[in-house]
N, C-alpha and C. Protein backbone atom coordinates (compact mmCIF):
# COMPACT_ATOMS: atom_id res chain seq x y z
N UNK A 1 9.29 17.26 -8.21
CA UNK A 1 9.50 17.84 -6.89
C UNK A 1 8.58 19.04 -6.68
N UNK A 2 8.49 19.94 -7.74
CA UNK A 2 7.63 21.11 -7.63
C UNK A 2 6.17 20.70 -7.48
N UNK A 3 5.77 19.68 -8.26
CA UNK A 3 4.38 19.22 -8.18
C UNK A 3 4.08 18.70 -6.77
N UNK A 4 5.03 17.93 -6.20
CA UNK A 4 4.84 17.40 -4.84
C UNK A 4 4.71 18.54 -3.83
N UNK A 5 5.54 19.59 -4.01
CA UNK A 5 5.49 20.74 -3.09
C UNK A 5 4.16 21.46 -3.20
N UNK A 6 3.69 21.68 -4.44
CA UNK A 6 2.44 22.40 -4.64
C UNK A 6 1.26 21.61 -4.07
N UNK A 7 1.27 20.29 -4.23
CA UNK A 7 0.21 19.47 -3.66
C UNK A 7 0.19 19.59 -2.14
N UNK A 8 1.35 19.63 -1.53
CA UNK A 8 1.43 19.77 -0.07
C UNK A 8 0.89 21.13 0.37
N UNK A 9 1.25 22.19 -0.39
CA UNK A 9 0.75 23.53 -0.07
C UNK A 9 -0.77 23.57 -0.17
N UNK A 10 -1.31 23.03 -1.26
CA UNK A 10 -2.77 23.02 -1.44
C UNK A 10 -3.46 22.23 -0.34
N UNK A 11 -2.82 21.13 0.07
CA UNK A 11 -3.37 20.31 1.15
C UNK A 11 -3.44 21.10 2.44
N UNK A 12 -2.38 21.83 2.76
CA UNK A 12 -2.35 22.61 4.00
C UNK A 12 -3.33 23.77 3.95
N UNK A 13 -3.47 24.38 2.77
CA UNK A 13 -4.45 25.47 2.62
C UNK A 13 -5.86 24.95 2.90
N UNK A 14 -6.15 23.75 2.37
CA UNK A 14 -7.47 23.17 2.60
C UNK A 14 -7.70 22.86 4.07
N UNK A 15 -6.67 22.40 4.74
CA UNK A 15 -6.79 22.12 6.17
C UNK A 15 -7.09 23.40 6.94
N UNK A 16 -6.37 24.46 6.60
CA UNK A 16 -6.58 25.74 7.28
C UNK A 16 -7.99 26.26 7.02
N UNK A 17 -8.43 26.15 5.78
CA UNK A 17 -9.74 26.67 5.40
C UNK A 17 -10.87 26.00 6.17
N UNK A 18 -10.74 24.72 6.43
CA UNK A 18 -11.79 23.98 7.10
C UNK A 18 -11.55 23.83 8.60
N UNK A 19 -10.53 24.51 9.12
CA UNK A 19 -10.28 24.49 10.56
C UNK A 19 -9.71 23.18 11.06
N UNK A 20 -9.04 22.42 10.17
CA UNK A 20 -8.52 21.11 10.55
C UNK A 20 -7.06 21.19 10.99
N UNK A 21 -6.37 22.28 10.66
CA UNK A 21 -4.94 22.39 10.94
C UNK A 21 -4.58 22.20 12.41
N UNK A 22 -5.34 22.76 13.38
CA UNK A 22 -5.01 22.51 14.78
C UNK A 22 -5.00 21.03 15.13
N UNK A 23 -5.92 20.26 14.52
CA UNK A 23 -5.94 18.82 14.77
C UNK A 23 -4.66 18.17 14.29
N UNK A 24 -4.12 18.68 13.17
CA UNK A 24 -2.89 18.12 12.65
C UNK A 24 -1.69 18.47 13.53
N UNK A 25 -1.77 19.58 14.26
CA UNK A 25 -0.72 19.88 15.24
C UNK A 25 -0.75 18.84 16.35
N UNK A 26 -1.94 18.44 16.76
CA UNK A 26 -2.08 17.39 17.78
C UNK A 26 -1.57 16.05 17.25
N UNK A 27 -1.86 15.75 16.00
CA UNK A 27 -1.38 14.51 15.40
C UNK A 27 0.15 14.50 15.37
N UNK A 28 0.76 15.64 15.06
CA UNK A 28 2.22 15.72 15.04
C UNK A 28 2.80 15.42 16.41
N UNK A 29 2.17 15.94 17.46
CA UNK A 29 2.62 15.67 18.82
C UNK A 29 2.49 14.18 19.14
N UNK A 30 1.36 13.58 18.79
CA UNK A 30 1.18 12.15 19.02
C UNK A 30 2.19 11.33 18.23
N UNK A 31 2.52 11.78 17.05
CA UNK A 31 3.43 11.06 16.18
C UNK A 31 4.85 11.05 16.72
N UNK A 32 5.33 12.21 17.15
CA UNK A 32 6.73 12.34 17.53
C UNK A 32 6.98 12.33 19.04
N UNK A 33 5.98 12.63 19.84
CA UNK A 33 6.25 12.82 21.27
C UNK A 33 5.18 12.18 22.15
N UNK A 34 4.63 11.05 21.74
CA UNK A 34 3.63 10.35 22.53
C UNK A 34 4.28 9.66 23.72
N UNK A 35 3.78 9.93 24.92
CA UNK A 35 4.31 9.30 26.13
C UNK A 35 4.17 7.79 26.06
N UNK A 36 5.23 7.09 26.43
CA UNK A 36 5.18 5.63 26.51
C UNK A 36 5.73 4.91 25.29
N UNK A 37 5.95 5.62 24.19
CA UNK A 37 6.51 4.97 23.01
C UNK A 37 7.96 4.56 23.26
N UNK A 38 8.36 3.37 22.84
CA UNK A 38 9.78 3.02 22.91
C UNK A 38 10.60 3.94 22.02
N UNK A 39 11.71 4.42 22.55
CA UNK A 39 12.60 5.32 21.82
C UNK A 39 14.03 4.81 21.96
N UNK A 40 14.74 4.68 20.84
CA UNK A 40 16.15 4.31 20.90
C UNK A 40 16.95 5.27 20.03
N UNK A 41 18.25 5.04 19.96
CA UNK A 41 19.12 6.00 19.30
C UNK A 41 19.44 7.11 20.28
N UNK A 42 19.59 8.32 19.76
CA UNK A 42 19.85 9.49 20.60
C UNK A 42 18.50 10.04 21.07
N UNK A 43 18.16 9.80 22.31
CA UNK A 43 16.84 10.20 22.81
C UNK A 43 16.67 11.72 22.88
N UNK A 44 17.78 12.43 22.76
CA UNK A 44 17.73 13.90 22.71
C UNK A 44 18.07 14.41 21.32
N UNK A 45 18.07 13.53 20.33
CA UNK A 45 18.45 13.90 18.98
C UNK A 45 17.52 14.92 18.35
N UNK A 46 18.06 15.72 17.44
CA UNK A 46 17.27 16.79 16.81
C UNK A 46 16.45 16.29 15.62
N UNK A 47 16.74 15.08 15.14
CA UNK A 47 15.99 14.48 14.04
C UNK A 47 15.28 13.24 14.57
N UNK A 48 14.00 13.12 14.26
CA UNK A 48 13.24 11.95 14.72
C UNK A 48 12.68 11.18 13.53
N UNK A 49 12.81 9.87 13.62
CA UNK A 49 12.19 8.97 12.66
C UNK A 49 11.21 8.07 13.41
N UNK A 50 9.98 8.05 12.97
CA UNK A 50 8.93 7.21 13.57
C UNK A 50 8.66 6.05 12.64
N UNK A 51 8.60 4.85 13.20
CA UNK A 51 8.27 3.67 12.39
C UNK A 51 7.02 2.99 12.94
N UNK A 52 6.01 2.83 12.10
CA UNK A 52 4.86 1.98 12.39
C UNK A 52 5.18 0.59 11.84
N UNK A 53 5.06 -0.44 12.67
CA UNK A 53 5.46 -1.76 12.21
C UNK A 53 4.72 -2.87 12.94
N UNK A 54 4.85 -4.06 12.36
CA UNK A 54 4.23 -5.28 12.89
C UNK A 54 5.29 -6.37 12.84
N UNK A 55 5.41 -7.16 13.91
CA UNK A 55 6.46 -8.17 13.97
C UNK A 55 6.25 -9.32 12.99
N UNK A 56 5.06 -9.46 12.45
CA UNK A 56 4.82 -10.51 11.47
C UNK A 56 4.83 -9.98 10.03
N UNK A 57 5.28 -8.76 9.88
CA UNK A 57 5.41 -8.13 8.57
C UNK A 57 6.81 -8.41 8.03
N UNK A 58 6.92 -9.13 6.93
CA UNK A 58 8.23 -9.52 6.40
C UNK A 58 9.06 -8.30 5.98
N UNK A 59 8.41 -7.27 5.44
CA UNK A 59 9.14 -6.07 5.05
C UNK A 59 9.67 -5.32 6.27
N UNK A 60 8.93 -5.36 7.36
CA UNK A 60 9.41 -4.74 8.61
C UNK A 60 10.65 -5.47 9.11
N UNK A 61 10.62 -6.79 9.04
CA UNK A 61 11.76 -7.59 9.47
C UNK A 61 12.98 -7.27 8.60
N UNK A 62 12.77 -7.14 7.30
CA UNK A 62 13.87 -6.85 6.38
C UNK A 62 14.40 -5.43 6.57
N UNK A 63 13.56 -4.53 7.06
CA UNK A 63 14.01 -3.16 7.32
C UNK A 63 14.75 -3.03 8.64
N UNK A 64 14.63 -4.02 9.50
CA UNK A 64 15.25 -3.93 10.83
C UNK A 64 16.74 -3.63 10.77
N UNK A 65 17.56 -4.39 10.01
CA UNK A 65 18.99 -4.06 9.97
C UNK A 65 19.28 -2.72 9.30
N UNK A 66 18.40 -2.30 8.40
CA UNK A 66 18.57 -0.99 7.75
C UNK A 66 18.39 0.13 8.77
N UNK A 67 17.37 -0.01 9.60
CA UNK A 67 17.12 0.98 10.64
C UNK A 67 18.25 0.98 11.67
N UNK A 68 18.70 -0.20 12.06
CA UNK A 68 19.80 -0.30 13.02
C UNK A 68 21.07 0.36 12.47
N UNK A 69 21.35 0.17 11.20
CA UNK A 69 22.51 0.82 10.59
C UNK A 69 22.34 2.34 10.56
N UNK A 70 21.11 2.80 10.31
CA UNK A 70 20.85 4.24 10.31
C UNK A 70 21.10 4.84 11.68
N UNK A 71 20.72 4.12 12.73
CA UNK A 71 20.96 4.59 14.09
C UNK A 71 22.45 4.71 14.35
N UNK A 72 23.20 3.72 13.90
CA UNK A 72 24.65 3.71 14.09
C UNK A 72 25.33 4.84 13.31
N UNK A 73 24.83 5.11 12.11
CA UNK A 73 25.47 6.09 11.23
C UNK A 73 25.05 7.52 11.50
N UNK A 74 24.00 7.71 12.30
CA UNK A 74 23.46 9.06 12.53
C UNK A 74 23.34 9.32 14.03
N UNK A 75 24.38 9.84 14.66
CA UNK A 75 24.37 10.02 16.12
C UNK A 75 23.33 11.01 16.61
N UNK A 76 22.74 11.79 15.72
CA UNK A 76 21.73 12.77 16.13
C UNK A 76 20.31 12.26 15.85
N UNK A 77 20.19 10.96 15.54
CA UNK A 77 18.89 10.40 15.16
C UNK A 77 18.18 9.77 16.35
N UNK A 78 16.95 10.16 16.52
CA UNK A 78 16.05 9.62 17.55
C UNK A 78 15.00 8.77 16.82
N UNK A 79 14.83 7.51 17.25
CA UNK A 79 13.90 6.62 16.57
C UNK A 79 12.77 6.23 17.52
N UNK A 80 11.54 6.49 17.08
CA UNK A 80 10.35 6.18 17.86
C UNK A 80 9.63 5.01 17.21
N UNK A 81 9.30 4.01 18.01
CA UNK A 81 8.63 2.82 17.49
C UNK A 81 7.15 2.83 17.85
N UNK A 82 6.32 2.70 16.82
CA UNK A 82 4.87 2.65 16.98
C UNK A 82 4.40 1.23 16.63
N UNK A 83 4.00 0.48 17.64
CA UNK A 83 3.51 -0.87 17.41
C UNK A 83 2.14 -0.81 16.75
N UNK A 84 2.03 -1.47 15.60
CA UNK A 84 0.78 -1.48 14.84
C UNK A 84 0.44 -2.93 14.50
N UNK A 85 -0.11 -3.67 15.46
CA UNK A 85 -0.35 -5.11 15.26
C UNK A 85 -1.59 -5.38 14.42
N UNK A 86 -1.39 -5.39 13.11
CA UNK A 86 -2.52 -5.53 12.18
C UNK A 86 -2.64 -6.95 11.62
N UNK A 87 -1.75 -7.85 12.04
CA UNK A 87 -1.73 -9.19 11.45
C UNK A 87 -2.21 -10.27 12.42
N UNK A 88 -3.14 -9.92 13.30
CA UNK A 88 -3.77 -10.93 14.12
C UNK A 88 -3.30 -11.01 15.55
N UNK A 89 -3.82 -11.99 16.30
CA UNK A 89 -3.57 -12.11 17.74
C UNK A 89 -2.09 -12.24 18.12
N UNK A 90 -1.29 -12.96 17.34
CA UNK A 90 0.12 -13.12 17.67
C UNK A 90 0.86 -11.79 17.53
N UNK A 91 0.50 -11.02 16.52
CA UNK A 91 1.09 -9.69 16.37
C UNK A 91 0.75 -8.81 17.57
N UNK A 92 -0.50 -8.89 18.02
CA UNK A 92 -0.92 -8.11 19.18
C UNK A 92 -0.18 -8.56 20.44
N UNK A 93 0.00 -9.86 20.59
CA UNK A 93 0.73 -10.39 21.75
C UNK A 93 2.18 -9.90 21.73
N UNK A 94 2.81 -9.94 20.57
CA UNK A 94 4.19 -9.46 20.45
C UNK A 94 4.29 -7.97 20.76
N UNK A 95 3.32 -7.21 20.28
CA UNK A 95 3.30 -5.76 20.55
C UNK A 95 3.19 -5.49 22.04
N UNK A 96 2.29 -6.19 22.70
CA UNK A 96 2.14 -6.00 24.14
C UNK A 96 3.40 -6.42 24.88
N UNK A 97 4.05 -7.48 24.40
CA UNK A 97 5.26 -7.97 25.05
C UNK A 97 6.38 -6.93 25.00
N UNK A 98 6.59 -6.31 23.83
CA UNK A 98 7.70 -5.35 23.74
C UNK A 98 7.38 -4.06 24.50
N UNK A 99 6.11 -3.67 24.55
CA UNK A 99 5.74 -2.49 25.34
C UNK A 99 5.94 -2.79 26.83
N UNK A 100 5.63 -4.01 27.23
CA UNK A 100 5.87 -4.40 28.62
C UNK A 100 7.37 -4.51 28.88
N UNK A 101 8.13 -4.99 27.91
CA UNK A 101 9.59 -5.08 28.04
C UNK A 101 10.20 -3.69 28.21
N UNK A 102 9.58 -2.71 27.56
CA UNK A 102 10.07 -1.33 27.68
C UNK A 102 10.02 -0.85 29.12
N UNK A 103 9.06 -1.34 29.88
CA UNK A 103 8.94 -0.97 31.29
C UNK A 103 10.10 -1.54 32.10
N UNK A 104 10.72 -2.61 31.62
CA UNK A 104 11.89 -3.19 32.29
C UNK A 104 13.20 -2.71 31.66
N UNK A 105 13.10 -1.74 30.76
CA UNK A 105 14.30 -1.24 30.09
C UNK A 105 14.89 -2.21 29.10
N UNK A 106 14.05 -3.12 28.57
CA UNK A 106 14.55 -4.19 27.71
C UNK A 106 13.88 -4.18 26.34
N UNK A 107 13.34 -3.05 25.93
CA UNK A 107 12.68 -3.01 24.62
C UNK A 107 13.64 -3.42 23.51
N UNK A 108 14.82 -2.83 23.50
CA UNK A 108 15.73 -3.08 22.38
C UNK A 108 16.15 -4.54 22.33
N UNK A 109 16.35 -5.15 23.49
CA UNK A 109 16.76 -6.56 23.53
C UNK A 109 15.68 -7.46 22.97
N UNK A 110 14.42 -7.27 23.40
CA UNK A 110 13.35 -8.13 22.92
C UNK A 110 12.99 -7.81 21.47
N UNK A 111 13.05 -6.54 21.11
CA UNK A 111 12.81 -6.15 19.73
C UNK A 111 13.80 -6.86 18.80
N UNK A 112 15.06 -6.87 19.20
CA UNK A 112 16.10 -7.55 18.40
C UNK A 112 15.79 -9.04 18.29
N UNK A 113 15.43 -9.65 19.40
CA UNK A 113 15.14 -11.09 19.40
C UNK A 113 13.96 -11.42 18.48
N UNK A 114 12.90 -10.63 18.55
CA UNK A 114 11.72 -10.87 17.72
C UNK A 114 12.00 -10.63 16.25
N UNK A 115 12.80 -9.62 15.96
CA UNK A 115 13.12 -9.30 14.57
C UNK A 115 14.13 -10.27 13.97
N UNK A 116 14.91 -10.93 14.81
CA UNK A 116 16.01 -11.76 14.32
C UNK A 116 15.68 -13.25 14.26
N UNK A 117 14.61 -13.67 14.93
CA UNK A 117 14.29 -15.09 14.96
C UNK A 117 13.91 -15.61 13.57
N UNK A 118 14.30 -16.83 13.29
CA UNK A 118 13.93 -17.45 12.02
C UNK A 118 12.67 -18.31 12.15
N UNK A 119 12.14 -18.38 13.37
CA UNK A 119 10.96 -19.21 13.62
C UNK A 119 9.68 -18.37 13.54
N UNK A 120 8.58 -18.98 13.11
CA UNK A 120 7.30 -18.26 13.13
C UNK A 120 6.94 -17.88 14.57
N UNK A 121 6.42 -16.69 14.75
CA UNK A 121 6.09 -16.24 16.09
C UNK A 121 4.92 -17.02 16.67
N UNK A 122 5.01 -17.30 17.94
CA UNK A 122 3.93 -17.95 18.69
C UNK A 122 4.02 -17.43 20.12
N UNK A 123 2.99 -17.71 20.90
CA UNK A 123 3.00 -17.27 22.30
C UNK A 123 4.19 -17.85 23.04
N UNK A 124 4.43 -19.15 22.88
CA UNK A 124 5.55 -19.79 23.58
C UNK A 124 6.90 -19.20 23.16
N UNK A 125 7.04 -18.95 21.86
CA UNK A 125 8.32 -18.40 21.38
C UNK A 125 8.54 -16.99 21.91
N UNK A 126 7.50 -16.18 21.95
CA UNK A 126 7.64 -14.81 22.46
C UNK A 126 8.14 -14.82 23.90
N UNK A 127 7.55 -15.68 24.73
CA UNK A 127 7.97 -15.73 26.14
C UNK A 127 9.37 -16.34 26.27
N UNK A 128 9.69 -17.29 25.41
CA UNK A 128 11.02 -17.88 25.42
C UNK A 128 12.07 -16.83 25.04
N UNK A 129 11.80 -16.05 24.03
CA UNK A 129 12.73 -14.99 23.61
C UNK A 129 12.84 -13.91 24.68
N UNK A 130 11.72 -13.63 25.35
CA UNK A 130 11.75 -12.65 26.43
C UNK A 130 12.66 -13.12 27.56
N UNK A 131 12.54 -14.39 27.89
CA UNK A 131 13.36 -14.96 28.98
C UNK A 131 14.84 -14.91 28.60
N UNK A 132 15.15 -15.29 27.37
CA UNK A 132 16.55 -15.30 26.93
C UNK A 132 17.10 -13.89 26.74
N UNK A 133 16.21 -12.91 26.67
CA UNK A 133 16.63 -11.50 26.55
C UNK A 133 16.82 -10.84 27.91
N UNK A 134 16.67 -11.64 28.98
CA UNK A 134 16.94 -11.12 30.32
C UNK A 134 15.74 -10.50 31.01
N UNK A 135 14.55 -10.79 30.50
CA UNK A 135 13.35 -10.21 31.10
C UNK A 135 12.79 -11.09 32.22
N UNK A 136 12.15 -10.44 33.18
CA UNK A 136 11.37 -11.13 34.19
C UNK A 136 10.02 -11.45 33.53
N UNK A 137 9.83 -12.69 33.13
CA UNK A 137 8.66 -13.05 32.32
C UNK A 137 7.37 -12.96 33.12
N UNK A 138 7.41 -13.27 34.41
CA UNK A 138 6.21 -13.15 35.24
C UNK A 138 5.74 -11.70 35.29
N UNK A 139 6.69 -10.78 35.47
CA UNK A 139 6.34 -9.35 35.48
C UNK A 139 5.88 -8.92 34.10
N UNK A 140 6.55 -9.44 33.08
CA UNK A 140 6.18 -9.11 31.70
C UNK A 140 4.71 -9.46 31.44
N UNK A 141 4.31 -10.67 31.81
CA UNK A 141 2.94 -11.12 31.56
C UNK A 141 1.93 -10.25 32.32
N UNK A 142 2.29 -9.86 33.52
CA UNK A 142 1.40 -9.00 34.31
C UNK A 142 1.25 -7.63 33.65
N UNK A 143 2.38 -7.06 33.22
CA UNK A 143 2.35 -5.74 32.59
C UNK A 143 1.61 -5.78 31.25
N UNK A 144 1.71 -6.90 30.54
CA UNK A 144 1.03 -7.01 29.25
C UNK A 144 -0.48 -6.89 29.37
N UNK A 145 -1.01 -7.19 30.55
CA UNK A 145 -2.45 -7.12 30.77
C UNK A 145 -2.91 -5.74 31.24
N UNK A 146 -1.97 -4.81 31.39
CA UNK A 146 -2.32 -3.50 31.94
C UNK A 146 -3.13 -2.69 30.94
N UNK A 147 -3.98 -1.85 31.47
CA UNK A 147 -4.82 -0.98 30.64
C UNK A 147 -3.96 0.03 29.87
N UNK A 148 -2.85 0.44 30.47
CA UNK A 148 -1.98 1.42 29.81
C UNK A 148 -1.45 0.91 28.49
N UNK A 149 -1.03 -0.36 28.48
CA UNK A 149 -0.48 -0.93 27.25
C UNK A 149 -1.58 -1.13 26.22
N UNK A 150 -2.74 -1.57 26.64
CA UNK A 150 -3.88 -1.70 25.71
C UNK A 150 -4.23 -0.34 25.11
N UNK A 151 -4.24 0.69 25.95
CA UNK A 151 -4.55 2.05 25.48
C UNK A 151 -3.51 2.54 24.48
N UNK A 152 -2.24 2.23 24.76
CA UNK A 152 -1.17 2.68 23.88
C UNK A 152 -1.31 2.08 22.49
N UNK A 153 -1.66 0.82 22.42
CA UNK A 153 -1.86 0.18 21.12
C UNK A 153 -3.07 0.80 20.41
N UNK A 154 -4.14 1.06 21.14
CA UNK A 154 -5.33 1.68 20.54
C UNK A 154 -5.03 3.08 20.03
N UNK A 155 -4.20 3.82 20.76
CA UNK A 155 -3.79 5.16 20.31
C UNK A 155 -3.04 5.05 18.99
N UNK A 156 -2.13 4.07 18.91
CA UNK A 156 -1.38 3.87 17.67
C UNK A 156 -2.30 3.51 16.52
N UNK A 157 -3.28 2.65 16.77
CA UNK A 157 -4.20 2.23 15.72
C UNK A 157 -5.03 3.42 15.22
N UNK A 158 -5.49 4.24 16.15
CA UNK A 158 -6.29 5.40 15.76
C UNK A 158 -5.43 6.43 15.02
N UNK A 159 -4.19 6.62 15.49
CA UNK A 159 -3.29 7.56 14.83
C UNK A 159 -3.00 7.09 13.41
N UNK A 160 -2.77 5.80 13.25
CA UNK A 160 -2.52 5.25 11.91
C UNK A 160 -3.72 5.48 11.00
N UNK A 161 -4.91 5.33 11.56
CA UNK A 161 -6.13 5.57 10.78
C UNK A 161 -6.23 7.05 10.39
N UNK A 162 -5.94 7.93 11.34
CA UNK A 162 -6.00 9.37 11.07
C UNK A 162 -5.00 9.79 10.00
N UNK A 163 -3.85 9.11 9.97
CA UNK A 163 -2.81 9.42 9.00
C UNK A 163 -3.03 8.73 7.66
N UNK A 164 -3.99 7.81 7.62
CA UNK A 164 -4.28 7.10 6.38
C UNK A 164 -3.25 6.03 6.04
N UNK A 165 -2.62 5.46 7.06
CA UNK A 165 -1.61 4.43 6.84
C UNK A 165 -2.29 3.17 6.28
N UNK A 166 -1.74 2.67 5.19
CA UNK A 166 -2.32 1.51 4.51
C UNK A 166 -1.56 0.21 4.76
N UNK A 167 -0.36 0.29 5.31
CA UNK A 167 0.43 -0.91 5.54
C UNK A 167 1.70 -0.61 6.31
N UNK A 168 2.42 -1.67 6.62
CA UNK A 168 3.67 -1.54 7.36
C UNK A 168 4.81 -2.09 6.51
N UNK A 169 6.04 -1.55 6.71
CA UNK A 169 6.35 -0.43 7.60
C UNK A 169 6.01 0.90 6.95
N UNK A 170 5.70 1.87 7.78
CA UNK A 170 5.54 3.25 7.34
C UNK A 170 6.39 4.12 8.25
N UNK A 171 7.17 5.01 7.64
CA UNK A 171 8.09 5.87 8.39
C UNK A 171 7.70 7.33 8.22
N UNK A 172 7.91 8.10 9.29
CA UNK A 172 7.74 9.55 9.25
C UNK A 172 9.02 10.17 9.79
N UNK A 173 9.52 11.19 9.11
CA UNK A 173 10.77 11.84 9.51
C UNK A 173 10.61 13.35 9.54
N UNK A 174 11.18 13.97 10.56
CA UNK A 174 11.16 15.42 10.68
C UNK A 174 12.10 15.82 11.80
N UNK A 175 12.27 17.12 11.96
CA UNK A 175 12.97 17.60 13.14
C UNK A 175 12.14 17.26 14.37
N UNK A 176 12.81 16.94 15.45
CA UNK A 176 12.12 16.46 16.65
C UNK A 176 11.12 17.47 17.18
N UNK A 177 11.39 18.75 17.00
CA UNK A 177 10.49 19.78 17.52
C UNK A 177 9.40 20.18 16.52
N UNK A 178 9.17 19.38 15.50
CA UNK A 178 8.13 19.67 14.52
C UNK A 178 6.78 19.87 15.22
N UNK A 179 6.04 20.89 14.81
CA UNK A 179 4.74 21.16 15.44
C UNK A 179 3.58 21.13 14.45
N UNK A 180 3.86 20.74 13.20
CA UNK A 180 2.80 20.50 12.23
C UNK A 180 3.33 19.54 11.18
N UNK A 181 2.47 19.11 10.28
CA UNK A 181 2.84 18.07 9.32
C UNK A 181 3.47 18.61 8.04
N UNK A 182 3.63 19.93 7.94
CA UNK A 182 4.09 20.51 6.67
C UNK A 182 5.51 20.11 6.30
N UNK A 183 6.36 19.86 7.31
CA UNK A 183 7.74 19.51 7.02
C UNK A 183 8.07 18.06 7.36
N UNK A 184 7.02 17.24 7.47
CA UNK A 184 7.20 15.82 7.79
C UNK A 184 7.22 15.03 6.48
N UNK A 185 8.26 14.22 6.31
CA UNK A 185 8.33 13.37 5.12
C UNK A 185 7.89 11.95 5.47
N UNK A 186 7.43 11.23 4.48
CA UNK A 186 6.88 9.89 4.68
C UNK A 186 7.58 8.89 3.77
N UNK A 187 7.87 7.72 4.32
CA UNK A 187 8.40 6.61 3.53
C UNK A 187 7.43 5.45 3.68
N UNK A 188 6.97 4.93 2.56
CA UNK A 188 6.03 3.81 2.58
C UNK A 188 6.76 2.54 2.17
N UNK A 189 6.73 1.55 3.04
CA UNK A 189 7.30 0.26 2.69
C UNK A 189 8.80 0.17 2.83
N UNK A 190 9.36 -0.86 2.20
CA UNK A 190 10.77 -1.17 2.31
C UNK A 190 11.59 -0.31 1.36
N UNK A 191 12.70 0.25 1.87
CA UNK A 191 13.59 1.07 1.05
C UNK A 191 15.03 0.64 1.31
N UNK A 192 15.93 1.13 0.48
CA UNK A 192 17.34 0.81 0.64
C UNK A 192 17.97 1.68 1.72
N UNK A 193 19.18 1.31 2.12
CA UNK A 193 19.93 2.11 3.09
C UNK A 193 20.15 3.52 2.57
N UNK A 194 20.50 3.64 1.29
CA UNK A 194 20.75 4.95 0.70
C UNK A 194 19.47 5.81 0.71
N UNK A 195 18.35 5.22 0.34
CA UNK A 195 17.10 5.98 0.32
C UNK A 195 16.72 6.46 1.72
N UNK A 196 16.90 5.60 2.70
CA UNK A 196 16.58 6.01 4.07
C UNK A 196 17.52 7.11 4.52
N UNK A 197 18.79 6.99 4.21
CA UNK A 197 19.75 8.01 4.61
C UNK A 197 19.44 9.35 3.95
N UNK A 198 19.04 9.31 2.69
CA UNK A 198 18.67 10.56 2.00
C UNK A 198 17.51 11.25 2.70
N UNK A 199 16.55 10.47 3.17
CA UNK A 199 15.40 11.05 3.88
C UNK A 199 15.82 11.62 5.23
N UNK A 200 16.73 10.95 5.92
CA UNK A 200 17.24 11.46 7.19
C UNK A 200 17.98 12.77 6.97
N UNK A 201 18.80 12.81 5.93
CA UNK A 201 19.54 14.05 5.62
C UNK A 201 18.59 15.19 5.34
N UNK A 202 17.54 14.91 4.56
CA UNK A 202 16.57 15.95 4.20
C UNK A 202 15.81 16.44 5.42
N UNK A 203 15.51 15.54 6.34
CA UNK A 203 14.77 15.92 7.56
C UNK A 203 15.58 16.85 8.44
N UNK A 204 16.89 16.76 8.37
CA UNK A 204 17.74 17.61 9.20
C UNK A 204 18.01 18.98 8.64
N UNK A 205 17.56 19.23 7.41
CA UNK A 205 17.84 20.53 6.77
C UNK A 205 16.85 21.61 7.18
């Protein structure tokens, strides 16, 4: 634990020395408070968990019920979803679909459908799940072509690159008002319910 703390301190000192720290304040804002990101749980919660994920990532799918349980067990938890479609065109299509669904107030419904299906994702299946989730599919398709949604995905991709993310899922946790990366914790990959809860508890301290 001490070694981890000292490495973080040395990292921050190096950032300050080279004038990079202000950029990391901007990254923190993009991470926790980027306009347009789907947010569920307590939208005014004091603790925020950010998840970078891909709908064709098996570990992301397996983490879905873990995250849902965390939302249920932590009434002060705010969860921000960062679509990171790194597994090809179908992943990108699914990402655009859920961002478009968010405009209809149906992100959680379509997210649940995509995470819960036992079938391999395809264009037809995505639209079928959207329809069964109560979405206006014609409007969905139109919104999916918008420049705003394309830009949002590109922002996520660039942010992931800046953070050095190597795979999905990747989680970041901190107090919602965090203004730098010094108190942000990171979870890489799939973890247990207990491990996730421990990280949420630590983020609230």
